[in-house]
Amino acid sequence: MFVFLFVCFHSRLHIDVCCFLFFFQMLTNRMILIFYCLLSCFKSSIHYIHLIYYVQTYISIYEMNFYAFTLVECLFLVWNCSNDILFGWLSDRLISDRLKSLKYLSIAFCLSSLLFWYPVNDLLSMNLLVSLCLYDSCLTMIDLNMNSLLIDLKQMKRERLSSANALGNAIGDFFLSRN
């Protein structure tokens, strides 16, 4: 229950930060740094929860067969190798407004992160495969757009935004790694 509440809370904050980033023209440079740092913090904390708990949840709580779990993980590895290249190419060709895409991708990212914890059907292996692929696709697109946003925000130095990104990742990982 704690994991669900934590993911819901961070998902909502992640969406709010993306909505604020959408109006970055009206913000000062300091506010852009803070929002960029918070976006990185929430993204890394949600991702850290999934890395730690989804294996434990599907093996121990849902009592999924270990061989089916291994097969799903192997299929996911193939998907993960191909989707990074595909989404990188699509992101360069199709996405013109990175901030608007981050706003909508953050909603999809939060919904895909909730799909792990509530299996839709009785086929646990299919639910795990779909949720892993959808979650990783959304995470890849958010990472691509966040890193490409460094180029789009010309009014600030890239080193400061990179530092804000690293600080947000460190904060998001620090509080969760202590538990």
N, C-alpha and C. Protein backbone atom coordinates (compact mmCIF):
# COMPACT_ATOMS: atom_id res chain seq x y z
N MET A 1 0.82 -1.19 0.00
CA MET A 1 0.00 0.00 0.00
C MET A 1 0.87 1.26 0.00
N PHE A 2 1.99 1.19 0.75
CA PHE A 2 2.88 2.34 0.81
C PHE A 2 3.46 2.64 -0.57
N VAL A 3 3.82 1.58 -1.30
CA VAL A 3 4.40 1.78 -2.63
C VAL A 3 3.39 2.45 -3.54
N PHE A 4 2.12 2.01 -3.48
CA PHE A 4 1.08 2.60 -4.32
C PHE A 4 0.89 4.09 -3.98
N LEU A 5 0.80 4.42 -2.70
CA LEU A 5 0.63 5.82 -2.31
C LEU A 5 1.82 6.66 -2.71
N PHE A 6 3.01 6.12 -2.56
CA PHE A 6 4.22 6.85 -2.94
C PHE A 6 4.25 7.11 -4.44
N VAL A 7 3.91 6.08 -5.24
CA VAL A 7 3.91 6.25 -6.70
C VAL A 7 2.84 7.24 -7.12
N CYS A 8 1.65 7.17 -6.51
CA CYS A 8 0.59 8.13 -6.85
C CYS A 8 1.00 9.56 -6.51
N PHE A 9 1.57 9.75 -5.34
CA PHE A 9 2.00 11.08 -4.92
C PHE A 9 3.08 11.62 -5.85
N HIS A 10 4.09 10.80 -6.14
CA HIS A 10 5.16 11.25 -7.02
C HIS A 10 4.67 11.41 -8.46
N SER A 11 3.71 10.60 -8.87
CA SER A 11 3.16 10.75 -10.22
C SER A 11 2.45 12.08 -10.36
N ARG A 12 1.69 12.45 -9.38
CA ARG A 12 0.98 13.73 -9.42
C ARG A 12 1.97 14.90 -9.41
N LEU A 13 3.00 14.80 -8.58
CA LEU A 13 4.01 15.86 -8.55
C LEU A 13 4.77 15.93 -9.87
N HIS A 14 5.02 14.77 -10.47
CA HIS A 14 5.72 14.73 -11.75
C HIS A 14 4.90 15.45 -12.82
N ILE A 15 3.60 15.22 -12.84
CA ILE A 15 2.73 15.90 -13.81
C ILE A 15 2.69 17.40 -13.54
N ASP A 16 2.60 17.79 -12.27
CA ASP A 16 2.56 19.22 -11.94
C ASP A 16 3.84 19.93 -12.37
N VAL A 17 4.98 19.30 -12.14
CA VAL A 17 6.25 19.91 -12.54
C VAL A 17 6.32 20.05 -14.04
N CYS A 18 5.85 19.05 -14.78
CA CYS A 18 5.85 19.16 -16.25
C CYS A 18 4.92 20.27 -16.72
N CYS A 19 3.80 20.45 -16.07
CA CYS A 19 2.90 21.54 -16.44
C CYS A 19 3.53 22.90 -16.16
N PHE A 20 4.27 23.02 -15.05
CA PHE A 20 4.96 24.27 -14.78
C PHE A 20 6.08 24.52 -15.76
N LEU A 21 6.77 23.45 -16.16
CA LEU A 21 7.84 23.62 -17.13
C LEU A 21 7.30 24.08 -18.48
N PHE A 22 6.04 23.76 -18.75
CA PHE A 22 5.42 24.15 -20.01
C PHE A 22 5.37 25.67 -20.15
N PHE A 23 5.30 26.37 -19.05
CA PHE A 23 5.24 27.82 -19.07
C PHE A 23 6.57 28.44 -18.66
N PHE A 24 7.67 27.87 -19.14
CA PHE A 24 8.98 28.31 -18.68
C PHE A 24 9.34 29.70 -19.18
N GLN A 25 8.66 30.20 -20.20
CA GLN A 25 8.97 31.53 -20.70
C GLN A 25 8.70 32.59 -19.65
N MET A 26 7.74 32.35 -18.78
CA MET A 26 7.38 33.33 -17.77
C MET A 26 8.21 33.18 -16.49
N LEU A 27 9.02 32.13 -16.42
CA LEU A 27 9.75 31.85 -15.20
C LEU A 27 11.16 32.43 -15.25
N THR A 28 11.71 32.62 -14.09
CA THR A 28 13.10 33.07 -14.02
C THR A 28 14.02 31.87 -14.22
N ASN A 29 15.29 32.15 -14.40
CA ASN A 29 16.26 31.07 -14.59
C ASN A 29 16.34 30.16 -13.37
N ARG A 30 16.22 30.73 -12.19
CA ARG A 30 16.27 29.94 -10.96
C ARG A 30 15.08 28.99 -10.87
N MET A 31 13.91 29.45 -11.26
CA MET A 31 12.72 28.59 -11.22
C MET A 31 12.84 27.45 -12.24
N ILE A 32 13.41 27.73 -13.39
CA ILE A 32 13.60 26.67 -14.38
C ILE A 32 14.54 25.61 -13.83
N LEU A 33 15.59 26.03 -13.16
CA LEU A 33 16.52 25.07 -12.56
C LEU A 33 15.82 24.22 -11.49
N ILE A 34 14.99 24.85 -10.68
CA ILE A 34 14.28 24.12 -9.62
C ILE A 34 13.31 23.12 -10.22
N PHE A 35 12.54 23.53 -11.23
CA PHE A 35 11.58 22.61 -11.85
C PHE A 35 12.28 21.47 -12.59
N TYR A 36 13.38 21.78 -13.23
CA TYR A 36 14.13 20.73 -13.94
C TYR A 36 14.71 19.74 -12.93
N CYS A 37 15.17 20.23 -11.81
CA CYS A 37 15.69 19.38 -10.74
C CYS A 37 14.58 18.50 -10.16
N LEU A 38 13.41 19.08 -9.92
CA LEU A 38 12.28 18.31 -9.38
C LEU A 38 11.80 17.26 -10.37
N LEU A 39 11.77 17.59 -11.64
CA LEU A 39 11.37 16.63 -12.66
C LEU A 39 12.31 15.43 -12.65
N SER A 40 13.59 15.68 -12.55
CA SER A 40 14.57 14.59 -12.48
C SER A 40 14.42 13.79 -11.20
N CYS A 41 14.13 14.47 -10.10
CA CYS A 41 13.95 13.80 -8.82
C CYS A 41 12.76 12.84 -8.86
N PHE A 42 11.64 13.30 -9.36
CA PHE A 42 10.45 12.46 -9.38
C PHE A 42 10.59 11.30 -10.36
N LYS A 43 11.21 11.57 -11.49
CA LYS A 43 11.42 10.50 -12.48
C LYS A 43 12.33 9.43 -11.91
N SER A 44 13.41 9.83 -11.27
CA SER A 44 14.34 8.83 -10.74
C SER A 44 13.75 8.08 -9.54
N SER A 45 12.94 8.74 -8.73
CA SER A 45 12.36 8.04 -7.58
C SER A 45 11.32 7.02 -8.01
N ILE A 46 10.50 7.35 -9.00
CA ILE A 46 9.53 6.37 -9.51
C ILE A 46 10.27 5.20 -10.15
N HIS A 47 11.31 5.49 -10.90
CA HIS A 47 12.08 4.43 -11.56
C HIS A 47 12.79 3.55 -10.52
N TYR A 48 13.29 4.15 -9.46
CA TYR A 48 13.96 3.39 -8.41
C TYR A 48 12.99 2.42 -7.73
N ILE A 49 11.78 2.85 -7.50
CA ILE A 49 10.77 1.97 -6.90
C ILE A 49 10.52 0.75 -7.79
N HIS A 50 10.41 1.00 -9.09
CA HIS A 50 10.15 -0.12 -10.00
C HIS A 50 11.33 -1.08 -10.06
N LEU A 51 12.53 -0.56 -10.06
CA LEU A 51 13.68 -1.45 -10.13
C LEU A 51 13.76 -2.35 -8.90
N ILE A 52 13.39 -1.84 -7.77
CA ILE A 52 13.51 -2.61 -6.54
C ILE A 52 12.32 -3.56 -6.34
N TYR A 53 11.11 -3.09 -6.56
CA TYR A 53 9.93 -3.82 -6.08
C TYR A 53 9.17 -4.64 -7.11
N TYR A 54 9.37 -4.44 -8.41
CA TYR A 54 8.49 -5.17 -9.32
C TYR A 54 8.83 -6.66 -9.36
N VAL A 55 10.11 -7.02 -9.24
CA VAL A 55 10.48 -8.43 -9.22
C VAL A 55 9.90 -9.10 -7.98
N GLN A 56 10.08 -8.45 -6.86
CA GLN A 56 9.57 -8.99 -5.59
C GLN A 56 8.05 -9.11 -5.61
N THR A 57 7.39 -8.13 -6.20
CA THR A 57 5.93 -8.15 -6.25
C THR A 57 5.41 -9.30 -7.10
N TYR A 58 5.97 -9.48 -8.29
CA TYR A 58 5.44 -10.51 -9.18
C TYR A 58 5.84 -11.92 -8.75
N ILE A 59 7.01 -12.07 -8.15
CA ILE A 59 7.44 -13.41 -7.72
C ILE A 59 6.82 -13.79 -6.37
N SER A 60 6.86 -12.90 -5.41
CA SER A 60 6.42 -13.24 -4.06
C SER A 60 4.93 -13.02 -3.82
N ILE A 61 4.42 -11.87 -4.22
CA ILE A 61 3.02 -11.55 -3.89
C ILE A 61 2.06 -12.18 -4.89
N TYR A 62 2.32 -11.97 -6.19
CA TYR A 62 1.42 -12.54 -7.21
C TYR A 62 1.72 -14.00 -7.49
N GLU A 63 2.85 -14.52 -6.96
CA GLU A 63 3.28 -15.90 -7.11
C GLU A 63 3.32 -16.34 -8.56
N MET A 64 3.99 -15.54 -9.36
CA MET A 64 4.17 -15.85 -10.77
C MET A 64 5.22 -16.94 -10.92
N ASN A 65 5.02 -17.80 -11.88
CA ASN A 65 5.97 -18.87 -12.15
C ASN A 65 7.33 -18.27 -12.52
N PHE A 66 8.40 -18.81 -11.95
CA PHE A 66 9.73 -18.24 -12.17
C PHE A 66 10.17 -18.37 -13.63
N TYR A 67 9.80 -19.47 -14.28
CA TYR A 67 10.19 -19.65 -15.69
C TYR A 67 9.44 -18.68 -16.59
N ALA A 68 8.17 -18.45 -16.28
CA ALA A 68 7.42 -17.46 -17.05
C ALA A 68 7.99 -16.06 -16.83
N PHE A 69 8.40 -15.79 -15.61
CA PHE A 69 9.02 -14.49 -15.31
C PHE A 69 10.32 -14.32 -16.09
N THR A 70 11.13 -15.37 -16.15
CA THR A 70 12.38 -15.32 -16.89
C THR A 70 12.13 -15.13 -18.38
N LEU A 71 11.12 -15.79 -18.92
CA LEU A 71 10.78 -15.62 -20.33
C LEU A 71 10.32 -14.19 -20.62
N VAL A 72 9.51 -13.64 -19.73
CA VAL A 72 9.07 -12.24 -19.90
C VAL A 72 10.26 -11.30 -19.84
N GLU A 73 11.19 -11.53 -18.94
CA GLU A 73 12.38 -10.68 -18.84
C GLU A 73 13.23 -10.77 -20.11
N CYS A 74 13.35 -11.95 -20.70
CA CYS A 74 14.11 -12.10 -21.95
C CYS A 74 13.43 -11.37 -23.10
N LEU A 75 12.11 -11.46 -23.18
CA LEU A 75 11.38 -10.73 -24.22
C LEU A 75 11.50 -9.22 -24.01
N PHE A 76 11.49 -8.81 -22.75
CA PHE A 76 11.66 -7.40 -22.46
C PHE A 76 13.05 -6.91 -22.84
N LEU A 77 14.07 -7.73 -22.65
CA LEU A 77 15.42 -7.34 -23.05
C LEU A 77 15.50 -7.08 -24.55
N VAL A 78 14.84 -7.91 -25.34
CA VAL A 78 14.82 -7.70 -26.79
C VAL A 78 14.09 -6.39 -27.11
N TRP A 79 12.96 -6.15 -26.46
CA TRP A 79 12.22 -4.90 -26.67
C TRP A 79 13.05 -3.68 -26.26
N ASN A 80 13.72 -3.78 -25.15
CA ASN A 80 14.50 -2.66 -24.65
C ASN A 80 15.66 -2.31 -25.59
N CYS A 81 16.26 -3.31 -26.19
CA CYS A 81 17.34 -3.05 -27.15
C CYS A 81 16.84 -2.35 -28.40
N SER A 82 15.65 -2.69 -28.83
CA SER A 82 15.14 -2.11 -30.08
C SER A 82 14.42 -0.78 -29.87
N ASN A 83 13.77 -0.59 -28.74
CA ASN A 83 12.97 0.63 -28.59
C ASN A 83 13.81 1.87 -28.36
N ASP A 84 14.99 1.74 -27.79
CA ASP A 84 15.84 2.91 -27.60
C ASP A 84 16.23 3.53 -28.94
N ILE A 85 16.61 2.70 -29.86
CA ILE A 85 16.98 3.19 -31.20
C ILE A 85 15.77 3.75 -31.92
N LEU A 86 14.66 3.03 -31.86
CA LEU A 86 13.44 3.46 -32.55
C LEU A 86 12.91 4.77 -32.00
N PHE A 87 12.83 4.90 -30.70
CA PHE A 87 12.29 6.12 -30.12
C PHE A 87 13.24 7.30 -30.24
N GLY A 88 14.53 7.03 -30.25
CA GLY A 88 15.48 8.11 -30.50
C GLY A 88 15.31 8.69 -31.90
N TRP A 89 15.12 7.81 -32.87
CA TRP A 89 14.90 8.26 -34.24
C TRP A 89 13.57 8.99 -34.37
N LEU A 90 12.51 8.43 -33.77
CA LEU A 90 11.20 9.07 -33.83
C LEU A 90 11.18 10.41 -33.11
N SER A 91 11.88 10.51 -32.01
CA SER A 91 11.92 11.75 -31.26
C SER A 91 12.57 12.87 -32.06
N ASP A 92 13.62 12.54 -32.78
CA ASP A 92 14.28 13.55 -33.60
C ASP A 92 13.43 13.97 -34.79
N ARG A 93 12.66 13.06 -35.33
CA ARG A 93 11.89 13.35 -36.55
C ARG A 93 10.52 13.98 -36.29
N LEU A 94 9.86 13.55 -35.22
CA LEU A 94 8.45 13.92 -35.06
C LEU A 94 8.16 14.96 -33.98
N ILE A 95 8.97 15.04 -32.96
CA ILE A 95 8.65 15.92 -31.83
C ILE A 95 9.31 17.27 -32.03
N SER A 96 8.48 18.29 -32.13
CA SER A 96 9.03 19.64 -32.31
C SER A 96 8.99 20.44 -31.00
N ASP A 97 7.98 20.22 -30.18
CA ASP A 97 7.86 20.95 -28.92
C ASP A 97 8.12 19.99 -27.76
N ARG A 98 9.31 20.04 -27.22
CA ARG A 98 9.74 19.11 -26.17
C ARG A 98 8.95 19.30 -24.88
N LEU A 99 8.65 20.55 -24.54
CA LEU A 99 7.94 20.79 -23.28
C LEU A 99 6.53 20.25 -23.33
N LYS A 100 5.86 20.44 -24.45
CA LYS A 100 4.50 19.91 -24.57
C LYS A 100 4.51 18.39 -24.56
N SER A 101 5.49 17.80 -25.21
CA SER A 101 5.56 16.34 -25.22
C SER A 101 5.89 15.80 -23.82
N LEU A 102 6.72 16.52 -23.06
CA LEU A 102 6.99 16.10 -21.69
C LEU A 102 5.74 16.14 -20.83
N LYS A 103 4.91 17.11 -21.08
CA LYS A 103 3.66 17.24 -20.31
C LYS A 103 2.77 16.02 -20.53
N TYR A 104 2.62 15.60 -21.79
CA TYR A 104 1.75 14.46 -22.07
C TYR A 104 2.43 13.13 -21.77
N LEU A 105 3.73 13.05 -21.98
CA LEU A 105 4.44 11.81 -21.68
C LEU A 105 4.49 11.55 -20.18
N SER A 106 4.51 12.60 -19.38
CA SER A 106 4.54 12.38 -17.93
C SER A 106 3.24 11.74 -17.45
N ILE A 107 2.13 12.08 -18.08
CA ILE A 107 0.86 11.44 -17.72
C ILE A 107 0.89 9.97 -18.10
N ALA A 108 1.39 9.67 -19.31
CA ALA A 108 1.50 8.27 -19.74
C ALA A 108 2.49 7.50 -18.86
N PHE A 109 3.57 8.16 -18.47
CA PHE A 109 4.56 7.53 -17.60
C PHE A 109 3.96 7.17 -16.25
N CYS A 110 3.19 8.07 -15.69
CA CYS A 110 2.57 7.81 -14.38
C CYS A 110 1.53 6.71 -14.47
N LEU A 111 0.74 6.70 -15.54
CA LEU A 111 -0.26 5.63 -15.70
C LEU A 111 0.41 4.28 -15.94
N SER A 112 1.50 4.28 -16.72
CA SER A 112 2.18 3.01 -16.96
C SER A 112 2.87 2.51 -15.70
N SER A 113 3.28 3.41 -14.82
CA SER A 113 3.89 2.96 -13.57
C SER A 113 2.85 2.35 -12.64
N LEU A 114 1.61 2.76 -12.74
CA LEU A 114 0.55 2.16 -11.92
C LEU A 114 0.09 0.82 -12.47
N LEU A 115 0.35 0.56 -13.73
CA LEU A 115 -0.08 -0.71 -14.34
C LEU A 115 0.64 -1.90 -13.72
N PHE A 116 1.85 -1.70 -13.20
CA PHE A 116 2.58 -2.78 -12.54
C PHE A 116 1.84 -3.32 -11.33
N TRP A 117 1.29 -2.43 -10.55
CA TRP A 117 0.79 -2.81 -9.24
C TRP A 117 -0.63 -3.34 -9.27
N TYR A 118 -1.32 -3.16 -10.38
CA TYR A 118 -2.69 -3.65 -10.53
C TYR A 118 -2.82 -4.46 -11.81
N PRO A 119 -2.61 -5.77 -11.73
CA PRO A 119 -2.75 -6.59 -12.94
C PRO A 119 -4.17 -6.50 -13.49
N VAL A 120 -4.24 -6.30 -14.79
CA VAL A 120 -5.53 -6.10 -15.43
C VAL A 120 -6.26 -7.43 -15.63
N ASN A 121 -5.52 -8.47 -15.95
CA ASN A 121 -6.16 -9.76 -16.22
C ASN A 121 -5.45 -10.86 -15.43
N ASP A 122 -5.91 -12.10 -15.64
CA ASP A 122 -5.34 -13.22 -14.92
C ASP A 122 -4.01 -13.70 -15.50
N LEU A 123 -3.70 -13.27 -16.70
CA LEU A 123 -2.42 -13.66 -17.31
C LEU A 123 -1.32 -12.74 -16.80
N LEU A 124 -0.71 -13.14 -15.72
CA LEU A 124 0.30 -12.30 -15.09
C LEU A 124 1.50 -12.06 -15.99
N SER A 125 1.88 -13.07 -16.75
CA SER A 125 3.05 -12.90 -17.61
C SER A 125 2.77 -11.88 -18.72
N MET A 126 1.58 -11.91 -19.28
CA MET A 126 1.22 -10.94 -20.32
C MET A 126 1.11 -9.53 -19.72
N ASN A 127 0.53 -9.43 -18.55
CA ASN A 127 0.43 -8.13 -17.89
C ASN A 127 1.81 -7.57 -17.57
N LEU A 128 2.71 -8.41 -17.11
CA LEU A 128 4.06 -7.96 -16.80
C LEU A 128 4.79 -7.52 -18.06
N LEU A 129 4.65 -8.26 -19.14
CA LEU A 129 5.33 -7.90 -20.38
C LEU A 129 4.81 -6.58 -20.93
N VAL A 130 3.49 -6.41 -20.95
CA VAL A 130 2.91 -5.16 -21.46
C VAL A 130 3.30 -3.99 -20.56
N SER A 131 3.22 -4.19 -19.26
CA SER A 131 3.54 -3.07 -18.36
C SER A 131 5.03 -2.73 -18.41
N LEU A 132 5.90 -3.72 -18.54
CA LEU A 132 7.34 -3.43 -18.67
C LEU A 132 7.64 -2.67 -19.95
N CYS A 133 7.07 -3.12 -21.05
CA CYS A 133 7.33 -2.47 -22.34
C CYS A 133 6.76 -1.05 -22.38
N LEU A 134 5.56 -0.89 -21.87
CA LEU A 134 4.94 0.44 -21.86
C LEU A 134 5.69 1.38 -20.92
N TYR A 135 6.06 0.90 -19.75
CA TYR A 135 6.79 1.71 -18.79
C TYR A 135 8.14 2.12 -19.36
N ASP A 136 8.86 1.17 -19.95
CA ASP A 136 10.18 1.48 -20.49
C ASP A 136 10.09 2.42 -21.69
N SER A 137 9.06 2.28 -22.48
CA SER A 137 8.87 3.19 -23.62
C SER A 137 8.63 4.62 -23.15
N CYS A 138 7.78 4.78 -22.15
CA CYS A 138 7.52 6.12 -21.61
C CYS A 138 8.76 6.69 -20.94
N LEU A 139 9.48 5.86 -20.20
CA LEU A 139 10.71 6.32 -19.56
C LEU A 139 11.75 6.74 -20.59
N THR A 140 11.87 5.98 -21.66
CA THR A 140 12.82 6.32 -22.72
C THR A 140 12.46 7.64 -23.37
N MET A 141 11.18 7.83 -23.66
CA MET A 141 10.76 9.09 -24.30
C MET A 141 10.95 10.28 -23.36
N ILE A 142 10.70 10.10 -22.08
CA ILE A 142 10.91 11.21 -21.14
C ILE A 142 12.39 11.53 -21.02
N ASP A 143 13.22 10.49 -20.94
CA ASP A 143 14.66 10.74 -20.87
C ASP A 143 15.17 11.44 -22.14
N LEU A 144 14.71 10.99 -23.29
CA LEU A 144 15.13 11.63 -24.54
C LEU A 144 14.71 13.09 -24.60
N ASN A 145 13.48 13.36 -24.22
CA ASN A 145 12.99 14.74 -24.28
C ASN A 145 13.62 15.63 -23.21
N MET A 146 13.87 15.07 -22.04
CA MET A 146 14.53 15.88 -21.00
C MET A 146 15.95 16.24 -21.41
N ASN A 147 16.67 15.27 -21.97
CA ASN A 147 18.03 15.55 -22.40
C ASN A 147 18.06 16.45 -23.63
N SER A 148 17.08 16.33 -24.50
CA SER A 148 17.01 17.23 -25.66
C SER A 148 16.55 18.62 -25.27
N LEU A 149 15.88 18.72 -24.15
CA LEU A 149 15.44 20.02 -23.66
C LEU A 149 16.62 20.90 -23.28
N LEU A 150 17.73 20.28 -22.93
CA LEU A 150 18.93 21.05 -22.64
C LEU A 150 19.35 21.90 -23.83
N ILE A 151 19.14 21.40 -25.02
CA ILE A 151 19.49 22.14 -26.23
C ILE A 151 18.45 23.22 -26.51
N ASP A 152 17.19 22.92 -26.23
CA ASP A 152 16.11 23.87 -26.54
C ASP A 152 16.10 25.08 -25.62
N LEU A 153 16.52 24.91 -24.39
CA LEU A 153 16.54 26.03 -23.44
C LEU A 153 17.84 26.81 -23.64
N LYS A 154 17.83 27.70 -24.59
CA LYS A 154 19.05 28.42 -24.96
C LYS A 154 19.39 29.54 -24.00
N GLN A 155 18.43 29.98 -23.21
CA GLN A 155 18.68 31.12 -22.34
C GLN A 155 19.52 30.77 -21.12
N MET A 156 19.71 29.51 -20.88
CA MET A 156 20.48 29.10 -19.71
C MET A 156 21.70 28.31 -20.16
N LYS A 157 22.65 28.25 -19.29
CA LYS A 157 23.83 27.45 -19.57
C LYS A 157 23.50 25.98 -19.38
N ARG A 158 23.98 25.17 -20.29
CA ARG A 158 23.69 23.74 -20.23
C ARG A 158 24.32 23.09 -19.00
N GLU A 159 25.44 23.63 -18.56
CA GLU A 159 26.10 23.04 -17.40
C GLU A 159 25.23 23.16 -16.15
N ARG A 160 24.53 24.28 -16.03
CA ARG A 160 23.66 24.47 -14.85
C ARG A 160 22.46 23.53 -14.90
N LEU A 161 21.89 23.35 -16.10
CA LEU A 161 20.77 22.42 -16.21
C LEU A 161 21.23 20.98 -16.01
N SER A 162 22.40 20.64 -16.49
CA SER A 162 22.93 19.30 -16.26
C SER A 162 23.18 19.06 -14.78
N SER A 163 23.66 20.09 -14.10
CA SER A 163 23.87 19.98 -12.65
C SER A 163 22.54 19.82 -11.92
N ALA A 164 21.51 20.55 -12.35
CA ALA A 164 20.19 20.42 -11.74
C ALA A 164 19.63 19.02 -11.98
N ASN A 165 19.87 18.48 -13.16
CA ASN A 165 19.43 17.13 -13.48
C ASN A 165 20.13 16.11 -12.58
N ALA A 166 21.43 16.25 -12.42
CA ALA A 166 22.18 15.32 -11.57
C ALA A 166 21.77 15.45 -10.11
N LEU A 167 21.54 16.66 -9.66
CA LEU A 167 21.10 16.87 -8.28
C LEU A 167 19.74 16.25 -8.03
N GLY A 168 18.81 16.42 -8.97
CA GLY A 168 17.49 15.81 -8.84
C GLY A 168 17.55 14.30 -8.81
N ASN A 169 18.39 13.71 -9.66
CA ASN A 169 18.55 12.26 -9.64
C ASN A 169 19.13 11.79 -8.32
N ALA A 170 20.10 12.52 -7.81
CA ALA A 170 20.72 12.13 -6.54
C ALA A 170 19.73 12.24 -5.39
N ILE A 171 18.91 13.29 -5.36
CA ILE A 171 17.93 13.45 -4.29
C ILE A 171 16.88 12.33 -4.36
N GLY A 172 16.42 12.04 -5.59
CA GLY A 172 15.41 10.99 -5.75
C GLY A 172 15.92 9.63 -5.34
N ASP A 173 17.19 9.33 -5.60
CA ASP A 173 17.76 8.05 -5.22
C ASP A 173 18.16 7.99 -3.75
N PHE A 174 18.54 9.11 -3.20
CA PHE A 174 19.05 9.13 -1.82
C PHE A 174 17.96 8.75 -0.82
N PHE A 175 16.80 9.36 -0.92
CA PHE A 175 15.76 9.11 0.07
C PHE A 175 15.21 7.67 -0.03
N LEU A 176 15.21 7.12 -1.22
CA LEU A 176 14.69 5.77 -1.37
C LEU A 176 15.73 4.71 -1.01
N SER A 177 17.01 5.01 -1.23
CA SER A 177 18.03 4.01 -0.94
C SER A 177 18.27 3.85 0.55
N ARG A 178 17.81 4.77 1.35
CA ARG A 178 17.99 4.68 2.79
C ARG A 178 17.01 3.71 3.43
N ASN A 179 15.93 3.36 2.74
CA ASN A 179 14.91 2.46 3.31
C ASN A 179 15.28 1.02 3.13
